Amino acid sequence: MARGRFLAFIDDDCVPASGWLSAMLRELEQRPDSLLGGPTMNGLPDNPYATASHRIAIYVQRYYHGSGGNERFFTGNNLAVSAERFRDVGGFDTSIPSATAEDKEFCDRWRSRNYEMAWVPDAEVIHAHDLTLVSFLRQHYNYGRGIFAFRLIRRRRGKSRLVPEPFSFYWNLILFPLRDREGGRTWRDVTLMIAAQLATVAGAFWAAMFGRPKDPDARP
């Protein structure tokens, strides 16, 4: 329904920092055909689960901006793009369960067309995701479900590795709090990193075993 030339996305538990939209607009006017992403700051630093989830996001951001990785993406809570190009690529795939990997899948389609992605460091949003241990584990379990659905979609477009990044990516993710000591309590955060990855694997396993859509032409 949006009629503007550009689209900007933010989540309902995020607050834009001063100048967020103007920073995105300034960049889009210079690069109207680029997909833009910006940094997300933790709005609940005293919540250990929100902090751990934020550290995972920070690690992933640094990894993809440093090495490029195999599946570079921008998160949907801080995203801006030309409305025309967004619709041309096909928008978000809402068939993905648990609403957790539409941004990864959209960015994958975007990159498959060799379209440009650009980082806007001044376009910050503050994420206040009030998590408990249960909701933290549920969140990453749902990430696993969404990522598995994304893998199936990607395989229909061509070859796709089940585990996209090298083992060192996941090992360094778990140990990231030991290297990035901002906020303290590093061993607690390492434990939560491990728990998050196990929950993600569990969600992907459940999706692989029970969550695949049934083929109506398949024989019993």
C-alpha atoms as a PDB file:
ATOM      1  CA  MET A   1       0.000   0.000   0.000  1.00  0.00           C
ATOM      2  CA  ALA A   2       2.994   2.322   0.400  1.00  0.00           C
ATOM      3  CA  ARG A   3       3.140   4.902  -2.387  1.00  0.00           C
ATOM      4  CA  GLY A   4       6.520   6.487  -1.698  1.00  0.00           C
ATOM      5  CA  ARG A   5       9.597   6.159  -3.866  1.00  0.00           C
ATOM      6  CA  PHE A   6      11.494   4.424  -1.059  1.00  0.00           C
ATOM      7  CA  LEU A   7      10.570   1.934   1.679  1.00  0.00           C
ATOM      8  CA  ALA A   8      12.108   1.879   5.177  1.00  0.00           C
ATOM      9  CA  PHE A   9      11.582  -1.031   7.571  1.00  0.00           C
ATOM     10  CA  ILE A  10      11.788  -1.112  11.371  1.00  0.00           C
ATOM     11  CA  ASP A  11      10.372  -3.540  13.962  1.00  0.00           C
ATOM     12  CA  ASP A  12       7.687  -2.720  16.527  1.00  0.00           C
ATOM     13  CA  ASP A  13      10.152  -3.216  19.401  1.00  0.00           C
ATOM     14  CA  CYS A  14      12.703  -0.825  17.868  1.00  0.00           C
ATOM     15  CA  VAL A  15      13.041   2.937  18.156  1.00  0.00           C
ATOM     16  CA  PRO A  16      14.895   4.917  15.471  1.00  0.00           C
ATOM     17  CA  ALA A  17      17.821   6.999  16.631  1.00  0.00           C
ATOM     18  CA  SER A  18      17.797  10.686  15.755  1.00  0.00           C
ATOM     19  CA  GLY A  19      18.595  11.061  12.074  1.00  0.00           C
ATOM     20  CA  TRP A  20      17.857   7.415  11.149  1.00  0.00           C
ATOM     21  CA  LEU A  21      15.452   8.151   8.311  1.00  0.00           C
ATOM     22  CA  SER A  22      17.375  11.148   6.997  1.00  0.00           C
ATOM     23  CA  ALA A  23      20.582   9.034   6.874  1.00  0.00           C
ATOM     24  CA  MET A  24      18.784   6.342   4.877  1.00  0.00           C
ATOM     25  CA  LEU A  25      17.198   8.899   2.548  1.00  0.00           C
ATOM     26  CA  ARG A  26      20.496  10.667   1.958  1.00  0.00           C
ATOM     27  CA  GLU A  27      22.140   7.388   0.943  1.00  0.00           C
ATOM     28  CA  LEU A  28      19.196   6.283  -1.210  1.00  0.00           C
ATOM     29  CA  GLU A  29      19.254   9.549  -3.131  1.00  0.00           C
ATOM     30  CA  GLN A  30      22.887   8.806  -4.000  1.00  0.00           C
ATOM     31  CA  ARG A  31      22.338   5.054  -4.578  1.00  0.00           C
ATOM     32  CA  PRO A  32      18.658   4.637  -5.487  1.00  0.00           C
ATOM     33  CA  ASP A  33      19.120   1.030  -6.619  1.00  0.00           C
ATOM     34  CA  SER A  34      20.938  -0.210  -3.495  1.00  0.00           C
ATOM     35  CA  LEU A  35      19.600  -2.208  -0.568  1.00  0.00           C
ATOM     36  CA  LEU A  36      20.612  -0.415   2.632  1.00  0.00           C
ATOM     37  CA  GLY A  37      21.101  -1.714   6.158  1.00  0.00           C
ATOM     38  CA  GLY A  38      22.147  -0.035   9.383  1.00  0.00           C
ATOM     39  CA  PRO A  39      23.352  -0.930  12.892  1.00  0.00           C
ATOM     40  CA  THR A  40      21.002  -2.094  15.643  1.00  0.00           C
ATOM     41  CA  MET A  41      21.817  -1.124  19.233  1.00  0.00           C
ATOM     42  CA  ASN A  42      20.716  -3.001  22.352  1.00  0.00           C
ATOM     43  CA  GLY A  43      18.098  -1.006  24.242  1.00  0.00           C
ATOM     44  CA  LEU A  44      18.075  -3.386  27.241  1.00  0.00           C
ATOM     45  CA  PRO A  45      21.718  -3.788  28.340  1.00  0.00           C
ATOM     46  CA  ASP A  46      20.668  -5.096  31.783  1.00  0.00           C
ATOM     47  CA  ASN A  47      18.706  -7.981  30.266  1.00  0.00           C
ATOM     48  CA  PRO A  48      21.186 -10.882  29.834  1.00  0.00           C
ATOM     49  CA  TYR A  49      19.111 -12.590  27.140  1.00  0.00           C
ATOM     50  CA  ALA A  50      18.614  -9.424  25.104  1.00  0.00           C
ATOM     51  CA  THR A  51      22.350  -8.769  25.478  1.00  0.00           C
ATOM     52  CA  ALA A  52      23.287 -12.261  24.300  1.00  0.00           C
ATOM     53  CA  SER A  53      20.929 -12.001  21.332  1.00  0.00           C
ATOM     54  CA  HIS A  54      22.399  -8.601  20.487  1.00  0.00           C
ATOM     55  CA  ARG A  55      25.947  -9.973  20.663  1.00  0.00           C
ATOM     56  CA  ILE A  56      25.022 -12.676  18.168  1.00  0.00           C
ATOM     57  CA  ALA A  57      23.718  -9.977  15.812  1.00  0.00           C
ATOM     58  CA  ILE A  58      26.873  -7.889  16.268  1.00  0.00           C
ATOM     59  CA  TYR A  59      29.119 -10.870  15.560  1.00  0.00           C
ATOM     60  CA  VAL A  60      27.184 -11.751  12.401  1.00  0.00           C
ATOM     61  CA  GLN A  61      27.300  -8.134  11.202  1.00  0.00           C
ATOM     62  CA  ARG A  62      31.053  -7.914  11.698  1.00  0.00           C
ATOM     63  CA  TYR A  63      31.633 -11.261  10.043  1.00  0.00           C
ATOM     64  CA  TYR A  64      29.705 -10.457   6.880  1.00  0.00           C
ATOM     65  CA  HIS A  65      31.083  -6.944   6.575  1.00  0.00           C
ATOM     66  CA  GLY A  66      34.630  -8.196   7.125  1.00  0.00           C
ATOM     67  CA  SER A  67      34.858 -11.389   5.065  1.00  0.00           C
ATOM     68  CA  GLY A  68      31.702 -11.139   2.985  1.00  0.00           C
ATOM     69  CA  GLY A  69      30.707 -14.665   3.986  1.00  0.00           C
ATOM     70  CA  ASN A  70      28.480 -16.844   1.857  1.00  0.00           C
ATOM     71  CA  GLU A  71      25.107 -15.476   2.931  1.00  0.00           C
ATOM     72  CA  ARG A  72      25.492 -11.784   3.625  1.00  0.00           C
ATOM     73  CA  PHE A  73      22.215 -10.156   4.668  1.00  0.00           C
ATOM     74  CA  PHE A  74      20.707  -7.174   6.450  1.00  0.00           C
ATOM     75  CA  THR A  75      18.164  -7.646   9.234  1.00  0.00           C
ATOM     76  CA  GLY A  76      14.597  -6.561   8.536  1.00  0.00           C
ATOM     77  CA  ASN A  77      14.435  -4.286  11.582  1.00  0.00           C
ATOM     78  CA  ASN A  78      16.718  -1.728   9.901  1.00  0.00           C
ATOM     79  CA  LEU A  79      16.354  -1.807   6.155  1.00  0.00           C
ATOM     80  CA  ALA A  80      15.685   0.665   3.331  1.00  0.00           C
ATOM     81  CA  VAL A  81      15.227   0.126  -0.384  1.00  0.00           C
ATOM     82  CA  SER A  82      13.672   1.543  -3.540  1.00  0.00           C
ATOM     83  CA  ALA A  83       9.983   0.599  -3.630  1.00  0.00           C
ATOM     84  CA  GLU A  84      10.233  -0.230  -7.327  1.00  0.00           C
ATOM     85  CA  ARG A  85      13.190  -2.546  -6.907  1.00  0.00           C
ATOM     86  CA  PHE A  86      11.692  -4.147  -3.770  1.00  0.00           C
ATOM     87  CA  ARG A  87       8.585  -5.113  -5.732  1.00  0.00           C
ATOM     88  CA  ASP A  88      10.640  -6.143  -8.754  1.00  0.00           C
ATOM     89  CA  VAL A  89      12.581  -8.638  -6.624  1.00  0.00           C
ATOM     90  CA  GLY A  90       9.274  -9.935  -5.216  1.00  0.00           C
ATOM     91  CA  GLY A  91       9.202  -8.547  -1.683  1.00  0.00           C
ATOM     92  CA  PHE A  92       9.378 -10.763   1.390  1.00  0.00           C
ATOM     93  CA  ASP A  93       8.392 -14.426   1.189  1.00  0.00           C
ATOM     94  CA  THR A  94       5.640 -14.720   3.801  1.00  0.00           C
ATOM     95  CA  SER A  95       5.433 -18.499   3.437  1.00  0.00           C
ATOM     96  CA  ILE A  96       8.447 -18.895   5.738  1.00  0.00           C
ATOM     97  CA  PRO A  97       7.201 -20.100   9.161  1.00  0.00           C
ATOM     98  CA  SER A  98       7.790 -18.278  12.442  1.00  0.00           C
ATOM     99  CA  ALA A  99       8.551 -14.971  10.664  1.00  0.00           C
ATOM    100  CA  THR A 100      12.291 -15.292  11.192  1.00  0.00           C
ATOM    101  CA  ALA A 101      14.152 -15.605   7.884  1.00  0.00           C
ATOM    102  CA  GLU A 102      12.309 -13.428   5.394  1.00  0.00           C
ATOM    103  CA  ASP A 103      15.152 -10.896   5.489  1.00  0.00           C
ATOM    104  CA  LYS A 104      17.795 -13.569   4.771  1.00  0.00           C
ATOM    105  CA  GLU A 105      15.747 -14.978   1.907  1.00  0.00           C
ATOM    106  CA  PHE A 106      15.019 -11.556   0.418  1.00  0.00           C
ATOM    107  CA  CYS A 107      18.704 -10.571   0.575  1.00  0.00           C
ATOM    108  CA  ASP A 108      19.634 -13.874  -1.060  1.00  0.00           C
ATOM    109  CA  ARG A 109      17.324 -13.125  -4.008  1.00  0.00           C
ATOM    110  CA  TRP A 110      18.704  -9.590  -4.116  1.00  0.00           C
ATOM    111  CA  ARG A 111      22.307 -10.814  -4.275  1.00  0.00           C
ATOM    112  CA  SER A 112      21.420 -13.465  -6.875  1.00  0.00           C
ATOM    113  CA  ARG A 113      20.663 -10.569  -9.239  1.00  0.00           C
ATOM    114  CA  ASN A 114      24.018  -8.960  -8.435  1.00  0.00           C
ATOM    115  CA  TYR A 115      22.297  -5.920  -6.948  1.00  0.00           C
ATOM    116  CA  GLU A 116      24.294  -3.711  -4.608  1.00  0.00           C
ATOM    117  CA  MET A 117      24.043  -3.784  -0.803  1.00  0.00           C
ATOM    118  CA  ALA A 118      25.370  -0.854   1.213  1.00  0.00           C
ATOM    119  CA  TRP A 119      25.939  -0.292   4.936  1.00  0.00           C
ATOM    120  CA  VAL A 120      24.815   3.010   6.482  1.00  0.00           C
ATOM    121  CA  PRO A 121      26.586   3.373   9.857  1.00  0.00           C
ATOM    122  CA  ASP A 122      24.663   6.534  10.816  1.00  0.00           C
ATOM    123  CA  ALA A 123      21.258   4.853  10.426  1.00  0.00           C
ATOM    124  CA  GLU A 124      20.898   3.358  13.921  1.00  0.00           C
ATOM    125  CA  VAL A 125      17.872   1.824  15.591  1.00  0.00           C
ATOM    126  CA  ILE A 126      17.572   0.840  19.262  1.00  0.00           C
ATOM    127  CA  HIS A 127      16.176  -2.650  19.785  1.00  0.00           C
ATOM    128  CA  ALA A 128      14.342  -3.248  23.084  1.00  0.00           C
ATOM    129  CA  HIS A 129      13.512  -6.954  22.917  1.00  0.00           C
ATOM    130  CA  ASP A 130      12.542  -7.921  26.479  1.00  0.00           C
ATOM    131  CA  LEU A 131      13.526 -11.597  26.643  1.00  0.00           C
ATOM    132  CA  THR A 132      13.361 -14.274  29.338  1.00  0.00           C
ATOM    133  CA  LEU A 133      15.291 -17.538  29.181  1.00  0.00           C
ATOM    134  CA  VAL A 134      12.243 -19.290  27.747  1.00  0.00           C
ATOM    135  CA  SER A 135      11.524 -16.625  25.105  1.00  0.00           C
ATOM    136  CA  PHE A 136      15.248 -16.421  24.259  1.00  0.00           C
ATOM    137  CA  LEU A 137      15.382 -20.161  23.547  1.00  0.00           C
ATOM    138  CA  ARG A 138      12.045 -20.026  21.702  1.00  0.00           C
ATOM    139  CA  GLN A 139      13.354 -17.169  19.554  1.00  0.00           C
ATOM    140  CA  HIS A 140      16.403 -19.145  18.439  1.00  0.00           C
ATOM    141  CA  TYR A 141      14.377 -22.319  18.011  1.00  0.00           C
ATOM    142  CA  ASN A 142      12.163 -20.363  15.611  1.00  0.00           C
ATOM    143  CA  TYR A 143      15.268 -19.029  13.886  1.00  0.00           C
ATOM    144  CA  GLY A 144      16.194 -22.647  13.178  1.00  0.00           C
ATOM    145  CA  ARG A 145      12.764 -23.337  11.690  1.00  0.00           C
ATOM    146  CA  GLY A 146      12.949 -20.265   9.496  1.00  0.00           C
ATOM    147  CA  ILE A 147      16.518 -20.937   8.364  1.00  0.00           C
ATOM    148  CA  PHE A 148      15.628 -24.481   7.312  1.00  0.00           C
ATOM    149  CA  ALA A 149      12.683 -23.169   5.266  1.00  0.00           C
ATOM    150  CA  PHE A 150      15.040 -20.650   3.678  1.00  0.00           C
ATOM    151  CA  ARG A 151      17.448 -23.466   2.771  1.00  0.00           C
ATOM    152  CA  LEU A 152      14.652 -25.354   0.984  1.00  0.00           C
ATOM    153  CA  ILE A 153      13.635 -22.233  -0.942  1.00  0.00           C
ATOM    154  CA  ARG A 154      17.240 -21.562  -1.890  1.00  0.00           C
ATOM    155  CA  ARG A 155      17.748 -25.108  -3.116  1.00  0.00           C
ATOM    156  CA  ARG A 156      14.847 -24.688  -5.511  1.00  0.00           C
ATOM    157  CA  ARG A 157      16.794 -21.814  -7.089  1.00  0.00           C
ATOM    158  CA  GLY A 158      20.005 -23.844  -7.341  1.00  0.00           C
ATOM    159  CA  LYS A 159      22.679 -25.496  -5.237  1.00  0.00           C
ATOM    160  CA  SER A 160      22.740 -24.589  -1.569  1.00  0.00           C
ATOM    161  CA  ARG A 161      24.940 -25.932   1.186  1.00  0.00           C
ATOM    162  CA  LEU A 162      23.182 -27.145   4.320  1.00  0.00           C
ATOM    163  CA  VAL A 163      25.806 -25.452   6.504  1.00  0.00           C
ATOM    164  CA  PRO A 164      26.742 -22.268   4.629  1.00  0.00           C
ATOM    165  CA  GLU A 165      29.722 -21.026   6.626  1.00  0.00           C
ATOM    166  CA  PRO A 166      32.912 -22.802   7.767  1.00  0.00           C
ATOM    167  CA  PHE A 167      33.095 -24.394  11.221  1.00  0.00           C
ATOM    168  CA  SER A 168      35.250 -21.470  12.420  1.00  0.00           C
ATOM    169  CA  PHE A 169      32.275 -19.110  11.969  1.00  0.00           C
ATOM    170  CA  TYR A 170      30.195 -20.988  14.549  1.00  0.00           C
ATOM    171  CA  TRP A 171      33.109 -21.660  16.908  1.00  0.00           C
ATOM    172  CA  ASN A 172      34.117 -17.997  16.923  1.00  0.00           C
ATOM    173  CA  LEU A 173      30.478 -17.014  17.450  1.00  0.00           C
ATOM    174  CA  ILE A 174      30.348 -19.047  20.665  1.00  0.00           C
ATOM    175  CA  LEU A 175      33.646 -17.537  21.875  1.00  0.00           C
ATOM    176  CA  PHE A 176      32.826 -14.002  20.742  1.00  0.00           C
ATOM    177  CA  PRO A 177      31.989 -12.717  24.279  1.00  0.00           C
ATOM    178  CA  LEU A 178      35.521 -13.648  25.392  1.00  0.00           C
ATOM    179  CA  ARG A 179      36.985 -11.385  22.723  1.00  0.00           C
ATOM    180  CA  ASP A 180      34.406  -8.605  22.929  1.00  0.00           C
ATOM    181  CA  ARG A 181      34.220  -7.876  26.658  1.00  0.00           C
ATOM    182  CA  GLU A 182      31.779  -4.994  26.483  1.00  0.00           C
ATOM    183  CA  GLY A 183      29.154  -5.478  29.178  1.00  0.00           C
ATOM    184  CA  GLY A 184      31.084  -8.051  31.243  1.00  0.00           C
ATOM    185  CA  ARG A 185      29.889 -11.487  32.415  1.00  0.00           C
ATOM    186  CA  THR A 186      31.547 -13.131  29.458  1.00  0.00           C
ATOM    187  CA  TRP A 187      31.179 -16.762  30.558  1.00  0.00           C
ATOM    188  CA  ARG A 188      27.467 -16.288  31.127  1.00  0.00           C
ATOM    189  CA  ASP A 189      27.196 -14.964  27.588  1.00  0.00           C
ATOM    190  CA  VAL A 190      29.254 -17.862  26.205  1.00  0.00           C
ATOM    191  CA  THR A 191      26.804 -20.252  27.859  1.00  0.00           C
ATOM    192  CA  LEU A 192      23.881 -18.388  26.300  1.00  0.00           C
ATOM    193  CA  MET A 193      25.613 -18.450  22.913  1.00  0.00           C
ATOM    194  CA  ILE A 194      25.872 -22.241  23.158  1.00  0.00           C
ATOM    195  CA  ALA A 195      22.232 -22.511  24.257  1.00  0.00           C
ATOM    196  CA  ALA A 196      21.134 -20.308  21.347  1.00  0.00           C
ATOM    197  CA  GLN A 197      22.979 -22.439  18.792  1.00  0.00           C
ATOM    198  CA  LEU A 198      21.564 -25.658  20.251  1.00  0.00           C
ATOM    199  CA  ALA A 199      18.043 -24.183  20.117  1.00  0.00           C
ATOM    200  CA  THR A 200      18.612 -23.145  16.486  1.00  0.00           C
ATOM    201  CA  VAL A 201      19.752 -26.654  15.573  1.00  0.00           C
ATOM    202  CA  ALA A 202      16.722 -28.112  17.380  1.00  0.00           C
ATOM    203  CA  GLY A 203      14.369 -25.838  15.431  1.00  0.00           C
ATOM    204  CA  ALA A 204      15.983 -26.777  12.117  1.00  0.00           C
ATOM    205  CA  PHE A 205      15.825 -30.476  13.030  1.00  0.00           C
ATOM    206  CA  TRP A 206      12.129 -30.217  13.907  1.00  0.00           C
ATOM    207  CA  ALA A 207      11.437 -28.441  10.607  1.00  0.00           C
ATOM    208  CA  ALA A 208      13.355 -31.108   8.692  1.00  0.00           C
ATOM    209  CA  MET A 209      11.491 -33.964  10.383  1.00  0.00           C
ATOM    210  CA  PHE A 210       7.968 -32.581  10.796  1.00  0.00           C
ATOM    211  CA  GLY A 211       7.704 -29.152   9.235  1.00  0.00           C
ATOM    212  CA  ARG A 212       8.172 -29.822   5.521  1.00  0.00           C
ATOM    213  CA  PRO A 213       5.147 -29.063   3.370  1.00  0.00           C
ATOM    214  CA  LYS A 214       3.554 -32.234   2.022  1.00  0.00           C
ATOM    215  CA  ASP A 215       3.751 -32.948  -1.694  1.00  0.00           C
ATOM    216  CA  PRO A 216       0.178 -33.689  -2.880  1.00  0.00           C
ATOM    217  CA  ASP A 217       1.554 -35.781  -5.775  1.00  0.00           C
ATOM    218  CA  ALA A 218       3.721 -37.967  -3.555  1.00  0.00           C
ATOM    219  CA  ARG A 219       2.741 -41.611  -3.186  1.00  0.00           C
ATOM    220  CA  PRO A 220       2.185 -43.016   0.308  1.00  0.00           C
END
